[in-house]
Amino acid sequence: MKVSALVMAWVFREQAAALPYPVALQLVTDEEVGGRDGTLHQLRNGVIADFVVIGEQSRLQVVTDSKGMVVANLRATGHAAHGAYPWLGDNALLKLMRSVGNVLDRYPVATEEVWRTTVNLARIETPAAARNQVPAAAEAWLDIRFTPQDHDLDGRTTEQVAEYLRGFCEPGVTPVVDHVDPPHHADQHSPDVRALRAAASREGYDAPFLRKHGAADGRFYYERGVDAVIFGIGGDGQHGPQEYADLTTVLPYRRALTAFLRDRRPE
């Protein structure tokens, strides 16, 4: 994403002043942690557009769909006791593990790419600090990514999703939903999407539309009726030790963005 942002800044500097319509470059630093203090904050304060290009990695494919996101914790309470006398306590960690297991039974961990709801168990923690202590409290972090076809989650409020997750929880385990963000979609037949794809095609990147499993800031524009697409350089391995940017795509990306901006005819 950083390399795409650099190219976007390069194209913006060269083209913005000469275009017959207003164009802006929006750079934020919190997209990976939710985007609420960057893009969403700016939208709530009046920043808006009629079309948005987000420079995430896509190898010059146009991404018109991405999954929605639920950020939720499961919090378990029990009763502390000495580890040698477990019958005197109520192990919160065991209740939590069984509840997480119920969620993963419904949404098994994906072993290959699949367009369905997935759940990542990111963390389990307990304040218990001794091996011989029955934990009285425990908490799990869940990162849930859902498709528009998942009607248990799509279009639901935080309260409704919390109630849904409660059905997986044992007594003493409470779901707490921080936020629910919808799946993102852009019209594949809109003039801007067609023009951007044509610009990529002229650079030799004539690939089908792409769907992303992650949730990008485009969801905030989608909620406001604005088409937003992901369109960036190539690369792979995001968030892993082997992550890389494909530098052979940098100049084609620059030329495609430039051609799109020059040829664009806003309605």
C-alpha atoms as a PDB file:
ATOM      1  CA  MET A   1       0.000   0.000   0.000  1.00  0.00           C
ATOM      2  CA  LYS A   2       2.852   2.404   0.772  1.00  0.00           C
ATOM      3  CA  VAL A   3       4.307   2.010  -2.712  1.00  0.00           C
ATOM      4  CA  SER A   4       0.891   2.580  -4.296  1.00  0.00           C
ATOM      5  CA  ALA A   5       0.478   5.690  -2.132  1.00  0.00           C
ATOM      6  CA  LEU A   6       3.832   6.962  -3.345  1.00  0.00           C
ATOM      7  CA  VAL A   7       2.789   6.477  -6.968  1.00  0.00           C
ATOM      8  CA  MET A   8      -0.552   8.170  -6.291  1.00  0.00           C
ATOM      9  CA  ALA A   9       1.263  11.159  -4.817  1.00  0.00           C
ATOM     10  CA  TRP A  10       3.545  11.232  -7.872  1.00  0.00           C
ATOM     11  CA  VAL A  11       0.581  11.220 -10.280  1.00  0.00           C
ATOM     12  CA  PHE A  12      -1.326  13.759  -8.181  1.00  0.00           C
ATOM     13  CA  ARG A  13       1.598  16.188  -8.239  1.00  0.00           C
ATOM     14  CA  GLU A  14       1.926  15.884 -12.003  1.00  0.00           C
ATOM     15  CA  GLN A  15      -1.752  15.915 -13.009  1.00  0.00           C
ATOM     16  CA  ALA A  16      -3.993  17.577 -10.414  1.00  0.00           C
ATOM     17  CA  ALA A  17      -3.564  21.185 -11.466  1.00  0.00           C
ATOM     18  CA  ALA A  18      -4.239  20.471 -15.150  1.00  0.00           C
ATOM     19  CA  LEU A  19      -7.403  18.396 -14.759  1.00  0.00           C
ATOM     20  CA  PRO A  20     -10.763  19.993 -15.653  1.00  0.00           C
ATOM     21  CA  TYR A  21     -12.366  18.691 -12.455  1.00  0.00           C
ATOM     22  CA  PRO A  22     -11.327  18.716  -8.778  1.00  0.00           C
ATOM     23  CA  VAL A  23      -9.264  15.797  -7.525  1.00  0.00           C
ATOM     24  CA  ALA A  24      -7.858  15.131  -4.051  1.00  0.00           C
ATOM     25  CA  LEU A  25      -5.210  12.879  -2.549  1.00  0.00           C
ATOM     26  CA  GLN A  26      -6.290  11.363   0.770  1.00  0.00           C
ATOM     27  CA  LEU A  27      -3.514   9.803   2.860  1.00  0.00           C
ATOM     28  CA  VAL A  28      -4.392   8.182   6.206  1.00  0.00           C
ATOM     29  CA  THR A  29      -2.330   6.220   8.713  1.00  0.00           C
ATOM     30  CA  ASP A  30      -4.933   4.097  10.483  1.00  0.00           C
ATOM     31  CA  GLU A  31      -6.467   1.934   7.760  1.00  0.00           C
ATOM     32  CA  GLU A  32      -4.927  -1.214   9.228  1.00  0.00           C
ATOM     33  CA  VAL A  33      -6.479  -0.528  12.626  1.00  0.00           C
ATOM     34  CA  GLY A  34      -9.991   0.290  11.463  1.00  0.00           C
ATOM     35  CA  GLY A  35      -9.834   3.607   9.591  1.00  0.00           C
ATOM     36  CA  ARG A  36     -12.138   5.379  12.009  1.00  0.00           C
ATOM     37  CA  ASP A  37      -9.732   8.188  12.888  1.00  0.00           C
ATOM     38  CA  GLY A  38      -8.731   8.771   9.263  1.00  0.00           C
ATOM     39  CA  THR A  39     -11.176   8.188   6.408  1.00  0.00           C
ATOM     40  CA  LEU A  40     -14.309   7.873   8.541  1.00  0.00           C
ATOM     41  CA  HIS A  41     -13.416  10.973  10.561  1.00  0.00           C
ATOM     42  CA  GLN A  42     -12.914  12.995   7.385  1.00  0.00           C
ATOM     43  CA  LEU A  43     -16.168  11.758   5.856  1.00  0.00           C
ATOM     44  CA  ARG A  44     -18.073  12.681   8.990  1.00  0.00           C
ATOM     45  CA  ASN A  45     -16.594  16.161   8.720  1.00  0.00           C
ATOM     46  CA  GLY A  46     -17.658  16.789   5.146  1.00  0.00           C
ATOM     47  CA  VAL A  47     -14.915  15.333   2.965  1.00  0.00           C
ATOM     48  CA  ILE A  48     -16.643  13.512   0.106  1.00  0.00           C
ATOM     49  CA  ALA A  49     -16.077  12.397  -3.491  1.00  0.00           C
ATOM     50  CA  ASP A  50     -18.032  10.984  -6.410  1.00  0.00           C
ATOM     51  CA  PHE A  51     -15.469   8.221  -7.087  1.00  0.00           C
ATOM     52  CA  VAL A  52     -12.579   6.863  -5.015  1.00  0.00           C
ATOM     53  CA  VAL A  53      -9.510   4.811  -5.947  1.00  0.00           C
ATOM     54  CA  ILE A  54      -7.828   3.076  -2.998  1.00  0.00           C
ATOM     55  CA  GLY A  55      -4.220   2.088  -3.570  1.00  0.00           C
ATOM     56  CA  GLU A  56      -4.122  -1.321  -1.914  1.00  0.00           C
ATOM     57  CA  GLN A  57      -2.269  -4.156  -3.608  1.00  0.00           C
ATOM     58  CA  SER A  58      -4.284  -5.617  -6.491  1.00  0.00           C
ATOM     59  CA  ARG A  59      -1.824  -6.076  -9.394  1.00  0.00           C
ATOM     60  CA  LEU A  60      -3.804  -3.505 -11.388  1.00  0.00           C
ATOM     61  CA  GLN A  61      -7.004  -5.525 -11.039  1.00  0.00           C
ATOM     62  CA  VAL A  62     -10.052  -3.510 -10.053  1.00  0.00           C
ATOM     63  CA  VAL A  63     -11.583  -4.644  -6.769  1.00  0.00           C
ATOM     64  CA  THR A  64     -15.300  -3.920  -6.568  1.00  0.00           C
ATOM     65  CA  ASP A  65     -16.218  -6.175  -3.638  1.00  0.00           C
ATOM     66  CA  SER A  66     -14.766  -6.814  -0.202  1.00  0.00           C
ATOM     67  CA  LYS A  67     -16.035  -8.456   2.941  1.00  0.00           C
ATOM     68  CA  GLY A  68     -17.690  -6.826   5.904  1.00  0.00           C
ATOM     69  CA  MET A  69     -16.120  -6.922   9.341  1.00  0.00           C
ATOM     70  CA  VAL A  70     -17.201  -7.631  12.902  1.00  0.00           C
ATOM     71  CA  VAL A  71     -14.847  -6.774  15.755  1.00  0.00           C
ATOM     72  CA  ALA A  72     -15.972  -8.723  18.808  1.00  0.00           C
ATOM     73  CA  ASN A  73     -14.696 -10.048  22.126  1.00  0.00           C
ATOM     74  CA  LEU A  74     -16.008 -12.942  24.171  1.00  0.00           C
ATOM     75  CA  ARG A  75     -15.671 -12.263  27.909  1.00  0.00           C
ATOM     76  CA  ALA A  76     -15.966 -15.100  30.398  1.00  0.00           C
ATOM     77  CA  THR A  77     -16.411 -14.907  34.156  1.00  0.00           C
ATOM     78  CA  GLY A  78     -16.022 -17.723  36.652  1.00  0.00           C
ATOM     79  CA  HIS A  79     -14.859 -18.283  40.204  1.00  0.00           C
ATOM     80  CA  ALA A  80     -11.235 -18.469  41.326  1.00  0.00           C
ATOM     81  CA  ALA A  81      -9.897 -21.394  43.338  1.00  0.00           C
ATOM     82  CA  HIS A  82      -6.660 -23.234  43.994  1.00  0.00           C
ATOM     83  CA  GLY A  83      -5.608 -25.319  41.002  1.00  0.00           C
ATOM     84  CA  ALA A  84      -5.397 -28.432  43.155  1.00  0.00           C
ATOM     85  CA  TYR A  85      -9.087 -28.078  44.033  1.00  0.00           C
ATOM     86  CA  PRO A  86     -10.790 -27.289  40.692  1.00  0.00           C
ATOM     87  CA  TRP A  87     -14.190 -28.427  41.994  1.00  0.00           C
ATOM     88  CA  LEU A  88     -14.141 -25.394  44.287  1.00  0.00           C
ATOM     89  CA  GLY A  89     -13.880 -23.001  41.355  1.00  0.00           C
ATOM     90  CA  ASP A  90     -15.462 -22.263  37.981  1.00  0.00           C
ATOM     91  CA  ASN A  91     -12.830 -22.094  35.264  1.00  0.00           C
ATOM     92  CA  ALA A  92     -13.614 -19.082  33.035  1.00  0.00           C
ATOM     93  CA  LEU A  93     -10.949 -20.063  30.529  1.00  0.00           C
ATOM     94  CA  LEU A  94     -12.497 -23.473  29.879  1.00  0.00           C
ATOM     95  CA  LYS A  95     -15.930 -21.928  29.323  1.00  0.00           C
ATOM     96  CA  LEU A  96     -14.379 -19.436  26.932  1.00  0.00           C
ATOM     97  CA  MET A  97     -12.529 -22.122  24.985  1.00  0.00           C
ATOM     98  CA  ARG A  98     -15.720 -24.141  24.542  1.00  0.00           C
ATOM     99  CA  SER A  99     -17.581 -21.031  23.385  1.00  0.00           C
ATOM    100  CA  VAL A 100     -14.862 -20.197  20.860  1.00  0.00           C
ATOM    101  CA  GLY A 101     -15.055 -23.803  19.697  1.00  0.00           C
ATOM    102  CA  ASN A 102     -18.771 -23.389  19.086  1.00  0.00           C
ATOM    103  CA  VAL A 103     -18.104 -20.344  16.902  1.00  0.00           C
ATOM    104  CA  LEU A 104     -15.433 -22.177  14.923  1.00  0.00           C
ATOM    105  CA  ASP A 105     -17.710 -25.171  14.459  1.00  0.00           C
ATOM    106  CA  ARG A 106     -20.100 -22.797  12.684  1.00  0.00           C
ATOM    107  CA  TYR A 107     -17.314 -21.005  10.793  1.00  0.00           C
ATOM    108  CA  PRO A 108     -14.449 -23.513  10.327  1.00  0.00           C
ATOM    109  CA  VAL A 109     -10.965 -22.153   9.766  1.00  0.00           C
ATOM    110  CA  ALA A 110     -10.464 -21.849   6.006  1.00  0.00           C
ATOM    111  CA  THR A 111      -7.622 -23.932   4.568  1.00  0.00           C
ATOM    112  CA  GLU A 112      -7.959 -22.468   1.077  1.00  0.00           C
ATOM    113  CA  GLU A 113      -9.330 -19.293  -0.476  1.00  0.00           C
ATOM    114  CA  VAL A 114     -13.108 -19.289  -0.218  1.00  0.00           C
ATOM    115  CA  TRP A 115     -15.763 -16.581  -0.467  1.00  0.00           C
ATOM    116  CA  ARG A 116     -17.558 -17.164   2.837  1.00  0.00           C
ATOM    117  CA  THR A 117     -17.526 -15.832   6.377  1.00  0.00           C
ATOM    118  CA  THR A 118     -14.307 -16.497   8.277  1.00  0.00           C
ATOM    119  CA  VAL A 119     -13.381 -16.075  11.939  1.00  0.00           C
ATOM    120  CA  ASN A 120      -9.851 -15.419  13.161  1.00  0.00           C
ATOM    121  CA  LEU A 121      -9.148 -16.110  16.825  1.00  0.00           C
ATOM    122  CA  ALA A 122      -6.523 -13.441  17.405  1.00  0.00           C
ATOM    123  CA  ARG A 123      -5.964 -13.689  21.138  1.00  0.00           C
ATOM    124  CA  ILE A 124      -7.038 -15.441  24.338  1.00  0.00           C
ATOM    125  CA  GLU A 125      -5.996 -13.930  27.649  1.00  0.00           C
ATOM    126  CA  THR A 126      -6.671 -14.300  31.352  1.00  0.00           C
ATOM    127  CA  PRO A 127      -5.501 -12.231  34.314  1.00  0.00           C
ATOM    128  CA  ALA A 128      -4.627 -15.431  36.170  1.00  0.00           C
ATOM    129  CA  ALA A 129      -0.898 -15.168  36.861  1.00  0.00           C
ATOM    130  CA  ALA A 130      -0.188 -18.466  38.612  1.00  0.00           C
ATOM    131  CA  ARG A 131      -0.193 -22.018  37.339  1.00  0.00           C
ATOM    132  CA  ASN A 132      -2.053 -23.231  40.421  1.00  0.00           C
ATOM    133  CA  GLN A 133      -4.960 -20.782  40.060  1.00  0.00           C
ATOM    134  CA  VAL A 134      -8.354 -21.509  38.493  1.00  0.00           C
ATOM    135  CA  PRO A 135      -8.985 -18.467  36.229  1.00  0.00           C
ATOM    136  CA  ALA A 136     -11.912 -16.308  37.279  1.00  0.00           C
ATOM    137  CA  ALA A 137     -11.923 -14.312  34.032  1.00  0.00           C
ATOM    138  CA  ALA A 138     -10.845 -14.750  30.421  1.00  0.00           C
ATOM    139  CA  GLU A 139     -11.309 -12.956  27.113  1.00  0.00           C
ATOM    140  CA  ALA A 140     -10.994 -13.850  23.424  1.00  0.00           C
ATOM    141  CA  TRP A 141     -10.545 -11.492  20.462  1.00  0.00           C
ATOM    142  CA  LEU A 142     -12.454 -12.396  17.306  1.00  0.00           C
ATOM    143  CA  ASP A 143     -11.934 -10.896  13.848  1.00  0.00           C
ATOM    144  CA  ILE A 144     -14.949 -11.858  11.723  1.00  0.00           C
ATOM    145  CA  ARG A 145     -15.056 -11.173   7.979  1.00  0.00           C
ATOM    146  CA  PHE A 146     -18.414 -11.799   6.339  1.00  0.00           C
ATOM    147  CA  THR A 147     -19.928 -11.803   2.875  1.00  0.00           C
ATOM    148  CA  PRO A 148     -23.196 -10.162   1.788  1.00  0.00           C
ATOM    149  CA  GLN A 149     -24.645 -13.667   1.571  1.00  0.00           C
ATOM    150  CA  ASP A 150     -24.316 -14.205   5.336  1.00  0.00           C
ATOM    151  CA  HIS A 151     -27.709 -12.969   6.491  1.00  0.00           C
ATOM    152  CA  ASP A 152     -26.902 -13.672  10.135  1.00  0.00           C
ATOM    153  CA  LEU A 153     -24.407 -10.794  10.002  1.00  0.00           C
ATOM    154  CA  ASP A 154     -25.023  -8.619   6.937  1.00  0.00           C
ATOM    155  CA  GLY A 155     -27.305  -5.658   7.632  1.00  0.00           C
ATOM    156  CA  ARG A 156     -27.330  -6.301  11.385  1.00  0.00           C
ATOM    157  CA  THR A 157     -26.683  -3.834  14.195  1.00  0.00           C
ATOM    158  CA  THR A 158     -24.033  -4.342  16.857  1.00  0.00           C
ATOM    159  CA  GLU A 159     -26.764  -5.356  19.291  1.00  0.00           C
ATOM    160  CA  GLN A 160     -28.196  -7.910  16.864  1.00  0.00           C
ATOM    161  CA  VAL A 161     -24.784  -9.412  16.139  1.00  0.00           C
ATOM    162  CA  ALA A 162     -24.035  -9.622  19.863  1.00  0.00           C
ATOM    163  CA  GLU A 163     -27.298 -11.481  20.369  1.00  0.00           C
ATOM    164  CA  TYR A 164     -26.416 -13.827  17.508  1.00  0.00           C
ATOM    165  CA  LEU A 165     -22.992 -14.577  19.000  1.00  0.00           C
ATOM    166  CA  ARG A 166     -24.599 -15.170  22.382  1.00  0.00           C
ATOM    167  CA  GLY A 167     -26.100 -18.304  20.903  1.00  0.00           C
ATOM    168  CA  PHE A 168     -22.599 -19.817  20.693  1.00  0.00           C
ATOM    169  CA  CYS A 169     -21.643 -18.918  24.254  1.00  0.00           C
ATOM    170  CA  GLU A 170     -21.838 -21.016  27.386  1.00  0.00           C
ATOM    171  CA  PRO A 171     -23.379 -19.557  30.561  1.00  0.00           C
ATOM    172  CA  GLY A 172     -20.992 -17.009  31.993  1.00  0.00           C
ATOM    173  CA  VAL A 173     -19.622 -15.962  28.587  1.00  0.00           C
ATOM    174  CA  THR A 174     -20.773 -12.630  27.136  1.00  0.00           C
ATOM    175  CA  PRO A 175     -20.139 -11.356  23.588  1.00  0.00           C
ATOM    176  CA  VAL A 176     -19.160  -7.695  23.266  1.00  0.00           C
ATOM    177  CA  VAL A 177     -19.315  -6.286  19.728  1.00  0.00           C
ATOM    178  CA  ASP A 178     -17.252  -3.142  19.168  1.00  0.00           C
ATOM    179  CA  HIS A 179     -18.489  -2.470  15.640  1.00  0.00           C
ATOM    180  CA  VAL A 180     -20.033  -4.015  12.551  1.00  0.00           C
ATOM    181  CA  ASP A 181     -19.003  -2.673   9.147  1.00  0.00           C
ATOM    182  CA  PRO A 182     -20.846  -3.720   5.975  1.00  0.00           C
ATOM    183  CA  PRO A 183     -19.382  -5.453   2.932  1.00  0.00           C
ATOM    184  CA  HIS A 184     -18.214  -3.037   0.257  1.00  0.00           C
ATOM    185  CA  HIS A 185     -19.475  -3.034  -3.318  1.00  0.00           C
ATOM    186  CA  ALA A 186     -18.960  -0.778  -6.342  1.00  0.00           C
ATOM    187  CA  ASP A 187     -20.942  -0.828  -9.555  1.00  0.00           C
ATOM    188  CA  GLN A 188     -18.899  -2.744 -12.134  1.00  0.00           C
ATOM    189  CA  HIS A 189     -20.793  -1.017 -14.954  1.00  0.00           C
ATOM    190  CA  SER A 190     -20.246   2.566 -13.832  1.00  0.00           C
ATOM    191  CA  PRO A 191     -18.351   4.827 -16.271  1.00  0.00           C
ATOM    192  CA  ASP A 192     -15.495   5.360 -13.803  1.00  0.00           C
ATOM    193  CA  VAL A 193     -15.005   1.658 -13.114  1.00  0.00           C
ATOM    194  CA  ARG A 194     -15.072   0.846 -16.813  1.00  0.00           C
ATOM    195  CA  ALA A 195     -12.611   3.651 -17.579  1.00  0.00           C
ATOM    196  CA  LEU A 196     -10.178   2.548 -14.863  1.00  0.00           C
ATOM    197  CA  ARG A 197     -10.298  -1.032 -16.033  1.00  0.00           C
ATOM    198  CA  ALA A 198      -9.724   0.084 -19.629  1.00  0.00           C
ATOM    199  CA  ALA A 199      -6.662   2.083 -18.536  1.00  0.00           C
ATOM    200  CA  ALA A 200      -5.247  -1.022 -16.844  1.00  0.00           C
ATOM    201  CA  SER A 201      -6.032  -3.138 -19.904  1.00  0.00           C
ATOM    202  CA  ARG A 202      -4.011  -0.795 -22.114  1.00  0.00           C
ATOM    203  CA  GLU A 203      -1.032  -1.533 -19.858  1.00  0.00           C
ATOM    204  CA  GLY A 204      -1.477  -5.257 -20.366  1.00  0.00           C
ATOM    205  CA  TYR A 205      -3.471  -5.972 -17.201  1.00  0.00           C
ATOM    206  CA  ASP A 206      -6.770  -7.160 -18.608  1.00  0.00           C
ATOM    207  CA  ALA A 207      -7.837  -9.339 -15.675  1.00  0.00           C
ATOM    208  CA  PRO A 208     -11.319 -10.016 -14.246  1.00  0.00           C
ATOM    209  CA  PHE A 209     -12.678  -8.036 -11.359  1.00  0.00           C
ATOM    210  CA  LEU A 210     -11.228  -9.053  -8.021  1.00  0.00           C
ATOM    211  CA  ARG A 211     -12.868  -9.638  -4.639  1.00  0.00           C
ATOM    212  CA  LYS A 212     -10.962  -8.888  -1.433  1.00  0.00           C
ATOM    213  CA  HIS A 213     -11.361 -10.794   1.805  1.00  0.00           C
ATOM    214  CA  GLY A 214     -10.110  -7.875   3.873  1.00  0.00           C
ATOM    215  CA  ALA A 215     -12.146  -4.804   4.742  1.00  0.00           C
ATOM    216  CA  ALA A 216     -10.797  -1.561   3.276  1.00  0.00           C
ATOM    217  CA  ASP A 217     -11.857   2.032   3.852  1.00  0.00           C
ATOM    218  CA  GLY A 218     -14.042   1.744   0.755  1.00  0.00           C
ATOM    219  CA  ARG A 219     -16.791   0.449   3.065  1.00  0.00           C
ATOM    220  CA  PHE A 220     -17.146   3.943   4.565  1.00  0.00           C
ATOM    221  CA  TYR A 221     -17.734   5.433   1.106  1.00  0.00           C
ATOM    222  CA  TYR A 222     -20.102   2.588   0.189  1.00  0.00           C
ATOM    223  CA  GLU A 223     -22.266   3.446   3.201  1.00  0.00           C
ATOM    224  CA  ARG A 224     -22.621   6.951   1.731  1.00  0.00           C
ATOM    225  CA  GLY A 225     -23.501   5.824  -1.788  1.00  0.00           C
ATOM    226  CA  VAL A 226     -20.068   6.547  -3.277  1.00  0.00           C
ATOM    227  CA  ASP A 227     -18.366   4.035  -5.568  1.00  0.00           C
ATOM    228  CA  ALA A 228     -14.899   3.155  -4.266  1.00  0.00           C
ATOM    229  CA  VAL A 229     -12.561   0.576  -5.748  1.00  0.00           C
ATOM    230  CA  ILE A 230      -9.220  -0.903  -4.789  1.00  0.00           C
ATOM    231  CA  PHE A 231      -6.612  -0.494  -7.514  1.00  0.00           C
ATOM    232  CA  GLY A 232      -2.927  -0.816  -6.726  1.00  0.00           C
ATOM    233  CA  ILE A 233       0.410  -2.278  -7.679  1.00  0.00           C
ATOM    234  CA  GLY A 234       1.224  -5.982  -7.521  1.00  0.00           C
ATOM    235  CA  GLY A 235       2.602  -7.880  -4.566  1.00  0.00           C
ATOM    236  CA  ASP A 236       1.705 -10.601  -2.114  1.00  0.00           C
ATOM    237  CA  GLY A 237       2.158 -11.976   1.388  1.00  0.00           C
ATOM    238  CA  GLN A 238       0.448  -9.095   3.162  1.00  0.00           C
ATOM    239  CA  HIS A 239       1.116  -8.953   6.919  1.00  0.00           C
ATOM    240  CA  GLY A 240       3.536 -11.874   6.695  1.00  0.00           C
ATOM    241  CA  PRO A 241       7.330 -12.140   6.831  1.00  0.00           C
ATOM    242  CA  GLN A 242       7.526 -12.670   3.070  1.00  0.00           C
ATOM    243  CA  GLU A 243       5.415  -9.641   2.098  1.00  0.00           C
ATOM    244  CA  TYR A 244       6.700  -7.919  -1.008  1.00  0.00           C
ATOM    245  CA  ALA A 245       5.845  -5.299  -3.615  1.00  0.00           C
ATOM    246  CA  ASP A 246       6.201  -6.199  -7.297  1.00  0.00           C
ATOM    247  CA  LEU A 247       8.244  -3.291  -8.608  1.00  0.00           C
ATOM    248  CA  THR A 248       7.637  -4.300 -12.234  1.00  0.00           C
ATOM    249  CA  THR A 249       4.054  -3.054 -11.807  1.00  0.00           C
ATOM    250  CA  VAL A 250       4.963   0.430 -10.534  1.00  0.00           C
ATOM    251  CA  LEU A 251       5.365   2.199 -13.886  1.00  0.00           C
ATOM    252  CA  PRO A 252       2.347   0.501 -15.516  1.00  0.00           C
ATOM    253  CA  TYR A 253       0.343   1.542 -12.468  1.00  0.00           C
ATOM    254  CA  ARG A 254       1.511   5.128 -12.799  1.00  0.00           C
ATOM    255  CA  ARG A 255       0.637   5.213 -16.501  1.00  0.00           C
ATOM    256  CA  ALA A 256      -2.788   3.649 -15.920  1.00  0.00           C
ATOM    257  CA  LEU A 257      -3.663   6.158 -13.183  1.00  0.00           C
ATOM    258  CA  THR A 258      -2.481   9.034 -15.347  1.00  0.00           C
ATOM    259  CA  ALA A 259      -4.502   7.885 -18.352  1.00  0.00           C
ATOM    260  CA  PHE A 260      -7.602   7.338 -16.217  1.00  0.00           C
ATOM    261  CA  LEU A 261      -7.444  10.836 -14.750  1.00  0.00           C
ATOM    262  CA  ARG A 262      -6.822  12.488 -18.130  1.00  0.00           C
ATOM    263  CA  ASP A 263      -9.586  10.579 -19.914  1.00  0.00           C
ATOM    264  CA  ARG A 264     -12.160  10.728 -17.143  1.00  0.00           C
ATOM    265  CA  ARG A 265     -15.375  12.590 -17.905  1.00  0.00           C
ATOM    266  CA  PRO A 266     -17.319  13.107 -14.669  1.00  0.00           C
ATOM    267  CA  GLU A 267     -21.073  13.081 -15.084  1.00  0.00           C
END
